[in-house]
Amino acid sequence: MKKLFLLFIITISFLGCSKDSSSNRNPYLPDYPISLNINLNLPQYSNLRHPSTAVRVFGEALGARGLIIFNSGSGYMAYDVACPNHELKDCSTMELIGVSAECPCDGLKYLLFTGLSEGAAYPLKQYRIDIMGDVLRVYN
């Protein structure tokens, strides 16, 4: 009986692990469902083919304030445009500045390669991206 119990515990431990177990929880930003396809052949997204470039995408059902799509040179990143370190308010839509996003509310700059900002409690809220030929699928 003890062996069966031990086997059960070990099995549960392994099933609970996944390679994508990083937490994306943020008390300031709700978890909105995201599902967007971006065609890199369209003119508004064509510069995403080049490393270290980013675009902001706005629209219905695209996070709290829209999305930032970034080409890091080794892959694509998708972040919410909303500032991650305070509640949503009028000034919480970030601006793109080169390879950073700056929050007008507090002046914090987040590096798009990592989503981090020095001294910030929370990183940028990140979404998943799948690459299907010339189309990026952004989702959570």
N, C-alpha and C. Protein backbone atom coordinates (compact mmCIF):
# COMPACT_ATOMS: atom_id res chain seq x y z
N MET A 1 0.82 -1.19 0.00
CA MET A 1 0.00 0.00 0.00
C MET A 1 0.87 1.26 0.00
N LYS A 2 1.97 1.23 0.79
CA LYS A 2 2.87 2.38 0.84
C LYS A 2 3.52 2.62 -0.52
N LYS A 3 3.88 1.54 -1.21
CA LYS A 3 4.50 1.67 -2.53
C LYS A 3 3.52 2.29 -3.53
N LEU A 4 2.27 1.89 -3.46
CA LEU A 4 1.25 2.44 -4.35
C LEU A 4 1.05 3.93 -4.08
N PHE A 5 1.02 4.31 -2.83
CA PHE A 5 0.87 5.71 -2.45
C PHE A 5 2.08 6.53 -2.94
N LEU A 6 3.28 6.01 -2.77
CA LEU A 6 4.48 6.69 -3.22
C LEU A 6 4.48 6.85 -4.75
N LEU A 7 4.06 5.81 -5.46
CA LEU A 7 3.97 5.88 -6.92
C LEU A 7 2.95 6.95 -7.34
N PHE A 8 1.85 7.04 -6.63
CA PHE A 8 0.82 8.04 -6.91
C PHE A 8 1.38 9.45 -6.72
N ILE A 9 2.09 9.70 -5.65
CA ILE A 9 2.68 11.01 -5.37
C ILE A 9 3.69 11.39 -6.45
N ILE A 10 4.54 10.47 -6.84
CA ILE A 10 5.55 10.74 -7.87
C ILE A 10 4.87 11.05 -9.20
N THR A 11 3.84 10.29 -9.56
CA THR A 11 3.12 10.51 -10.80
C THR A 11 2.47 11.90 -10.82
N ILE A 12 1.84 12.29 -9.74
CA ILE A 12 1.21 13.60 -9.64
C ILE A 12 2.26 14.70 -9.77
N SER A 13 3.42 14.51 -9.17
CA SER A 13 4.50 15.50 -9.26
C SER A 13 4.94 15.70 -10.70
N PHE A 14 5.10 14.64 -11.44
CA PHE A 14 5.53 14.76 -12.84
C PHE A 14 4.45 15.34 -13.73
N LEU A 15 3.21 15.00 -13.48
CA LEU A 15 2.12 15.53 -14.29
C LEU A 15 1.91 17.01 -14.06
N GLY A 16 2.28 17.49 -12.89
CA GLY A 16 2.10 18.89 -12.58
C GLY A 16 3.17 19.78 -13.18
N CYS A 17 4.21 19.20 -13.74
CA CYS A 17 5.30 19.97 -14.32
C CYS A 17 5.07 20.14 -15.82
N SER A 18 5.42 21.32 -16.32
CA SER A 18 5.38 21.53 -17.76
C SER A 18 6.50 22.48 -18.13
N LYS A 19 6.90 22.45 -19.38
CA LYS A 19 8.00 23.31 -19.80
C LYS A 19 7.58 24.77 -19.88
N ASP A 20 6.26 25.04 -19.88
CA ASP A 20 5.76 26.41 -19.96
C ASP A 20 5.03 26.76 -18.67
N SER A 21 5.70 26.59 -17.55
CA SER A 21 5.05 26.78 -16.27
C SER A 21 5.29 28.16 -15.68
N SER A 22 5.87 29.08 -16.43
CA SER A 22 6.12 30.41 -15.90
C SER A 22 4.81 31.13 -15.62
N SER A 23 4.77 31.85 -14.54
CA SER A 23 3.55 32.55 -14.15
C SER A 23 3.45 33.88 -14.88
N ASN A 24 2.26 34.20 -15.33
CA ASN A 24 2.01 35.46 -16.02
C ASN A 24 0.94 36.24 -15.26
N ARG A 25 0.84 35.99 -13.95
CA ARG A 25 -0.17 36.62 -13.12
C ARG A 25 0.26 38.04 -12.76
N ASN A 26 -0.70 38.95 -12.86
CA ASN A 26 -0.45 40.34 -12.51
C ASN A 26 -1.73 40.88 -11.88
N PRO A 27 -1.65 41.41 -10.65
CA PRO A 27 -2.88 41.88 -9.99
C PRO A 27 -3.49 43.12 -10.64
N TYR A 28 -2.74 43.82 -11.47
CA TYR A 28 -3.24 45.03 -12.10
C TYR A 28 -3.86 44.80 -13.47
N LEU A 29 -3.49 43.72 -14.14
CA LEU A 29 -3.97 43.46 -15.50
C LEU A 29 -4.82 42.19 -15.54
N PRO A 30 -6.08 42.32 -15.91
CA PRO A 30 -6.95 41.14 -16.02
C PRO A 30 -6.46 40.19 -17.11
N ASP A 31 -6.89 38.94 -17.03
CA ASP A 31 -6.55 37.94 -18.05
C ASP A 31 -7.62 37.94 -19.13
N TYR A 32 -7.42 38.79 -20.15
CA TYR A 32 -8.34 38.84 -21.27
C TYR A 32 -7.95 37.76 -22.27
N PRO A 33 -8.93 37.09 -22.89
CA PRO A 33 -8.58 36.12 -23.94
C PRO A 33 -8.02 36.83 -25.18
N ILE A 34 -6.96 36.27 -25.73
CA ILE A 34 -6.29 36.84 -26.91
C ILE A 34 -6.25 35.78 -28.00
N SER A 35 -6.63 36.17 -29.21
CA SER A 35 -6.47 35.32 -30.38
C SER A 35 -6.39 36.23 -31.60
N LEU A 36 -5.20 36.31 -32.18
CA LEU A 36 -4.97 37.22 -33.30
C LEU A 36 -3.99 36.58 -34.27
N ASN A 37 -4.27 36.71 -35.57
CA ASN A 37 -3.34 36.30 -36.61
C ASN A 37 -2.78 37.54 -37.28
N ILE A 38 -1.45 37.63 -37.39
CA ILE A 38 -0.79 38.76 -38.02
C ILE A 38 -0.07 38.26 -39.26
N ASN A 39 -0.47 38.77 -40.40
CA ASN A 39 0.13 38.40 -41.68
C ASN A 39 1.30 39.35 -41.95
N LEU A 40 2.51 38.83 -41.94
CA LEU A 40 3.71 39.65 -42.14
C LEU A 40 3.82 40.21 -43.55
N ASN A 41 2.97 39.74 -44.48
CA ASN A 41 2.96 40.28 -45.84
C ASN A 41 2.18 41.59 -45.94
N LEU A 42 1.38 41.90 -44.93
CA LEU A 42 0.62 43.15 -44.94
C LEU A 42 1.56 44.32 -44.63
N PRO A 43 1.36 45.46 -45.28
CA PRO A 43 2.28 46.61 -45.12
C PRO A 43 2.46 47.07 -43.67
N GLN A 44 1.38 47.06 -42.86
CA GLN A 44 1.50 47.55 -41.49
C GLN A 44 2.34 46.65 -40.59
N TYR A 45 2.61 45.40 -41.04
CA TYR A 45 3.41 44.47 -40.24
C TYR A 45 4.71 44.07 -40.92
N SER A 46 4.98 44.54 -42.11
CA SER A 46 6.14 44.07 -42.88
C SER A 46 7.48 44.38 -42.21
N ASN A 47 7.56 45.46 -41.43
CA ASN A 47 8.85 45.75 -40.79
C ASN A 47 9.17 44.76 -39.66
N LEU A 48 8.19 43.95 -39.24
CA LEU A 48 8.46 42.92 -38.22
C LEU A 48 9.36 41.80 -38.75
N ARG A 49 9.62 41.80 -40.05
CA ARG A 49 10.55 40.81 -40.62
C ARG A 49 11.99 41.12 -40.24
N HIS A 50 12.25 42.33 -39.75
CA HIS A 50 13.61 42.76 -39.41
C HIS A 50 13.82 42.69 -37.90
N PRO A 51 14.99 42.22 -37.46
CA PRO A 51 15.28 42.14 -36.02
C PRO A 51 15.21 43.50 -35.33
N SER A 52 14.85 43.47 -34.08
CA SER A 52 14.78 44.64 -33.20
C SER A 52 13.74 45.66 -33.65
N THR A 53 12.63 45.18 -34.23
CA THR A 53 11.54 46.07 -34.61
C THR A 53 10.27 45.65 -33.87
N ALA A 54 9.40 46.63 -33.66
CA ALA A 54 8.16 46.37 -32.94
C ALA A 54 7.02 47.17 -33.54
N VAL A 55 5.81 46.67 -33.37
CA VAL A 55 4.60 47.40 -33.75
C VAL A 55 3.60 47.28 -32.62
N ARG A 56 2.75 48.29 -32.51
CA ARG A 56 1.62 48.23 -31.58
C ARG A 56 0.38 47.90 -32.39
N VAL A 57 -0.46 47.04 -31.85
CA VAL A 57 -1.69 46.62 -32.51
C VAL A 57 -2.84 46.90 -31.55
N PHE A 58 -3.83 47.64 -32.03
CA PHE A 58 -4.99 47.98 -31.20
C PHE A 58 -6.24 47.37 -31.80
N GLY A 59 -7.23 47.11 -30.97
CA GLY A 59 -8.50 46.59 -31.45
C GLY A 59 -9.24 45.87 -30.35
N GLU A 60 -10.44 45.44 -30.67
CA GLU A 60 -11.27 44.69 -29.74
C GLU A 60 -10.61 43.37 -29.37
N ALA A 61 -10.75 42.98 -28.13
CA ALA A 61 -10.26 41.69 -27.62
C ALA A 61 -8.76 41.51 -27.80
N LEU A 62 -8.00 42.58 -27.65
CA LEU A 62 -6.54 42.48 -27.75
C LEU A 62 -5.90 42.96 -26.44
N GLY A 63 -6.17 42.25 -25.38
CA GLY A 63 -5.58 42.58 -24.09
C GLY A 63 -6.25 43.78 -23.44
N ALA A 64 -5.56 44.34 -22.44
CA ALA A 64 -6.11 45.48 -21.71
C ALA A 64 -6.07 46.76 -22.54
N ARG A 65 -4.98 46.98 -23.29
CA ARG A 65 -4.82 48.22 -24.05
C ARG A 65 -4.33 47.98 -25.48
N GLY A 66 -4.23 46.73 -25.91
CA GLY A 66 -3.67 46.42 -27.21
C GLY A 66 -2.43 45.55 -27.03
N LEU A 67 -1.71 45.33 -28.11
CA LEU A 67 -0.54 44.44 -28.08
C LEU A 67 0.69 45.13 -28.66
N ILE A 68 1.84 44.72 -28.18
CA ILE A 68 3.13 45.06 -28.78
C ILE A 68 3.69 43.74 -29.32
N ILE A 69 3.99 43.72 -30.61
CA ILE A 69 4.63 42.55 -31.23
C ILE A 69 6.07 42.97 -31.52
N PHE A 70 7.04 42.14 -31.12
CA PHE A 70 8.46 42.48 -31.22
C PHE A 70 9.23 41.33 -31.85
N ASN A 71 10.10 41.66 -32.80
CA ASN A 71 11.02 40.69 -33.40
C ASN A 71 12.36 40.85 -32.70
N SER A 72 12.73 39.86 -31.89
CA SER A 72 13.98 39.94 -31.13
C SER A 72 15.20 39.53 -31.94
N GLY A 73 14.99 39.01 -33.14
CA GLY A 73 16.09 38.49 -33.94
C GLY A 73 16.19 36.99 -33.80
N SER A 74 15.77 36.46 -32.65
CA SER A 74 15.77 35.01 -32.46
C SER A 74 14.34 34.47 -32.31
N GLY A 75 13.37 35.35 -32.43
CA GLY A 75 11.97 34.95 -32.32
C GLY A 75 11.09 36.17 -32.13
N TYR A 76 9.81 35.92 -31.95
CA TYR A 76 8.86 37.01 -31.77
C TYR A 76 8.32 37.00 -30.35
N MET A 77 8.01 38.18 -29.83
CA MET A 77 7.45 38.35 -28.50
C MET A 77 6.16 39.14 -28.65
N ALA A 78 5.18 38.87 -27.80
CA ALA A 78 3.93 39.63 -27.78
C ALA A 78 3.66 40.05 -26.34
N TYR A 79 3.42 41.33 -26.14
CA TYR A 79 3.16 41.89 -24.81
C TYR A 79 1.88 42.72 -24.84
N ASP A 80 1.28 42.87 -23.67
CA ASP A 80 0.17 43.80 -23.53
C ASP A 80 0.72 45.21 -23.53
N VAL A 81 0.01 46.16 -24.12
CA VAL A 81 0.46 47.55 -24.18
C VAL A 81 0.25 48.27 -22.84
N ALA A 82 -0.57 47.70 -21.96
CA ALA A 82 -0.85 48.34 -20.68
C ALA A 82 0.35 48.26 -19.74
N CYS A 83 0.59 49.34 -19.01
CA CYS A 83 1.66 49.36 -17.99
C CYS A 83 1.36 48.30 -16.94
N PRO A 84 2.32 47.44 -16.61
CA PRO A 84 2.04 46.32 -15.73
C PRO A 84 2.14 46.60 -14.23
N ASN A 85 2.57 47.80 -13.84
CA ASN A 85 2.84 48.02 -12.41
C ASN A 85 1.91 48.99 -11.72
N HIS A 86 0.73 49.20 -12.28
CA HIS A 86 -0.33 49.95 -11.59
C HIS A 86 -1.66 49.68 -12.26
N GLU A 87 -2.73 50.09 -11.62
CA GLU A 87 -4.06 49.86 -12.16
C GLU A 87 -4.23 50.58 -13.49
N LEU A 88 -5.16 50.10 -14.31
CA LEU A 88 -5.45 50.74 -15.59
C LEU A 88 -6.01 52.14 -15.36
N LYS A 89 -5.44 53.11 -16.07
CA LYS A 89 -5.92 54.48 -16.01
C LYS A 89 -5.58 55.18 -17.32
N ASP A 90 -5.91 56.44 -17.44
CA ASP A 90 -5.74 57.18 -18.70
C ASP A 90 -4.32 57.14 -19.24
N CYS A 91 -3.33 57.17 -18.38
CA CYS A 91 -1.93 57.25 -18.84
C CYS A 91 -1.27 55.89 -19.01
N SER A 92 -2.02 54.79 -18.91
CA SER A 92 -1.37 53.48 -18.86
C SER A 92 -1.14 52.79 -20.20
N THR A 93 -1.23 53.51 -21.32
CA THR A 93 -0.89 52.93 -22.62
C THR A 93 0.56 53.27 -22.94
N MET A 94 1.40 52.24 -23.04
CA MET A 94 2.84 52.47 -23.21
C MET A 94 3.18 52.92 -24.63
N GLU A 95 4.28 53.63 -24.71
CA GLU A 95 4.81 54.13 -25.99
C GLU A 95 6.03 53.31 -26.36
N LEU A 96 6.19 53.04 -27.66
CA LEU A 96 7.39 52.35 -28.15
C LEU A 96 8.51 53.36 -28.34
N ILE A 97 9.68 53.02 -27.80
CA ILE A 97 10.88 53.84 -27.97
C ILE A 97 12.02 52.88 -28.31
N GLY A 98 12.29 52.71 -29.59
CA GLY A 98 13.33 51.77 -30.02
C GLY A 98 12.99 50.36 -29.61
N VAL A 99 13.86 49.74 -28.80
CA VAL A 99 13.63 48.37 -28.33
C VAL A 99 13.07 48.35 -26.92
N SER A 100 12.44 49.45 -26.52
CA SER A 100 11.82 49.57 -25.20
C SER A 100 10.39 50.05 -25.32
N ALA A 101 9.63 49.82 -24.26
CA ALA A 101 8.29 50.38 -24.12
C ALA A 101 8.31 51.21 -22.84
N GLU A 102 7.83 52.45 -22.94
CA GLU A 102 7.87 53.35 -21.78
C GLU A 102 6.45 53.63 -21.29
N CYS A 103 6.29 53.55 -19.98
CA CYS A 103 5.01 53.84 -19.35
C CYS A 103 4.94 55.34 -19.04
N PRO A 104 3.98 56.07 -19.63
CA PRO A 104 3.86 57.50 -19.36
C PRO A 104 3.48 57.82 -17.91
N CYS A 105 2.85 56.88 -17.22
CA CYS A 105 2.42 57.13 -15.83
C CYS A 105 3.60 57.28 -14.87
N ASP A 106 4.58 56.38 -14.99
CA ASP A 106 5.68 56.38 -14.03
C ASP A 106 7.06 56.49 -14.67
N GLY A 107 7.13 56.53 -16.00
CA GLY A 107 8.41 56.69 -16.69
C GLY A 107 9.27 55.44 -16.76
N LEU A 108 8.77 54.30 -16.26
CA LEU A 108 9.56 53.07 -16.34
C LEU A 108 9.68 52.61 -17.79
N LYS A 109 10.88 52.15 -18.15
CA LYS A 109 11.13 51.62 -19.49
C LYS A 109 11.36 50.13 -19.38
N TYR A 110 10.64 49.37 -20.24
CA TYR A 110 10.72 47.92 -20.26
C TYR A 110 11.44 47.48 -21.52
N LEU A 111 12.48 46.70 -21.37
CA LEU A 111 13.24 46.19 -22.51
C LEU A 111 12.41 45.10 -23.20
N LEU A 112 12.15 45.24 -24.48
CA LEU A 112 11.30 44.31 -25.20
C LEU A 112 11.94 42.94 -25.40
N PHE A 113 13.24 42.83 -25.27
CA PHE A 113 13.91 41.53 -25.38
C PHE A 113 13.53 40.63 -24.20
N THR A 114 13.29 41.23 -23.03
CA THR A 114 13.02 40.45 -21.82
C THR A 114 11.67 40.76 -21.18
N GLY A 115 11.12 41.94 -21.43
CA GLY A 115 9.90 42.37 -20.78
C GLY A 115 10.12 42.94 -19.40
N LEU A 116 11.38 43.11 -19.01
CA LEU A 116 11.73 43.56 -17.66
C LEU A 116 12.09 45.04 -17.62
N SER A 117 11.91 45.63 -16.44
CA SER A 117 12.32 47.00 -16.18
C SER A 117 12.99 47.02 -14.82
N GLU A 118 14.11 47.69 -14.72
CA GLU A 118 14.82 47.77 -13.45
C GLU A 118 13.96 48.47 -12.40
N GLY A 119 13.80 47.83 -11.28
CA GLY A 119 13.03 48.41 -10.18
C GLY A 119 11.54 48.16 -10.25
N ALA A 120 11.05 47.50 -11.28
CA ALA A 120 9.61 47.24 -11.41
C ALA A 120 9.26 45.91 -10.75
N ALA A 121 8.11 45.87 -10.11
CA ALA A 121 7.67 44.65 -9.44
C ALA A 121 7.21 43.58 -10.44
N TYR A 122 6.59 44.01 -11.54
CA TYR A 122 6.05 43.08 -12.52
C TYR A 122 6.62 43.35 -13.90
N PRO A 123 6.89 42.29 -14.68
CA PRO A 123 7.33 42.47 -16.07
C PRO A 123 6.13 42.75 -16.96
N LEU A 124 6.38 43.03 -18.23
CA LEU A 124 5.31 43.17 -19.20
C LEU A 124 4.50 41.88 -19.25
N LYS A 125 3.20 42.01 -19.44
CA LYS A 125 2.35 40.82 -19.56
C LYS A 125 2.56 40.23 -20.95
N GLN A 126 3.03 38.98 -20.98
CA GLN A 126 3.43 38.35 -22.24
C GLN A 126 2.37 37.34 -22.70
N TYR A 127 2.24 37.23 -24.03
CA TYR A 127 1.35 36.26 -24.65
C TYR A 127 2.16 35.32 -25.53
N ARG A 128 1.57 34.20 -25.87
CA ARG A 128 2.25 33.19 -26.70
C ARG A 128 2.17 33.57 -28.18
N ILE A 129 3.18 33.11 -28.94
CA ILE A 129 3.19 33.30 -30.39
C ILE A 129 3.61 31.99 -31.06
N ASP A 130 2.84 31.59 -32.08
CA ASP A 130 3.22 30.50 -32.97
C ASP A 130 3.47 31.10 -34.34
N ILE A 131 4.50 30.60 -35.03
CA ILE A 131 4.82 31.08 -36.37
C ILE A 131 4.37 30.01 -37.37
N MET A 132 3.50 30.44 -38.29
CA MET A 132 2.98 29.53 -39.32
C MET A 132 3.25 30.17 -40.67
N GLY A 133 4.44 29.95 -41.22
CA GLY A 133 4.83 30.57 -42.48
C GLY A 133 4.99 32.08 -42.30
N ASP A 134 4.17 32.86 -42.98
CA ASP A 134 4.21 34.32 -42.88
C ASP A 134 3.18 34.87 -41.91
N VAL A 135 2.58 34.00 -41.12
CA VAL A 135 1.54 34.42 -40.17
C VAL A 135 2.00 34.15 -38.74
N LEU A 136 1.83 35.15 -37.88
CA LEU A 136 2.09 35.00 -36.45
C LEU A 136 0.74 34.81 -35.76
N ARG A 137 0.60 33.76 -34.99
CA ARG A 137 -0.62 33.55 -34.22
C ARG A 137 -0.32 33.94 -32.78
N VAL A 138 -1.01 34.97 -32.28
CA VAL A 138 -0.83 35.45 -30.91
C VAL A 138 -2.03 34.98 -30.09
N TYR A 139 -1.76 34.38 -28.93
CA TYR A 139 -2.85 33.84 -28.12
C TYR A 139 -2.40 33.66 -26.67
N ASN A 140 -3.37 33.31 -25.82
CA ASN A 140 -3.03 32.95 -24.44
C ASN A 140 -3.78 31.71 -24.02
